[in-house]
Amino acid sequence: MTPPLPLAFPATHDASLPKKRLPAGRPREWYVSHNRQLKAMRIAIALLDSGVYTPGQARDHTIRRTAARIGVHPPSNTTCRLVRSLLP
């Protein structure tokens, strides 16, 4: 088995898209769920880039370590489950 590739995050270039405002007037739970989904997608992409390809490989500790590596606040147990559901 080949070792996972190191994560390469450019420190001087911000490759993220410009942020758009979220629509007003939705219930608070909608915003919480939406932000949780965005966070889970970012973490899932980082896990795939680091060589974690299946939900069985993505334990809570691995997900939280990856989140810290990419500069995301530690995910909750619910977000960890969502990350695993996004992996193929």
Foldseek 3Di string as FASTA:
>chain_A
DDAADDDDDDPPDDPDDDDDDDDPDDDPVVVVVVVLLVLLVVLLVQCVNRPNAALVSQDLVNSQVSCVVVVHHRDDPVSSVVNRVPHD
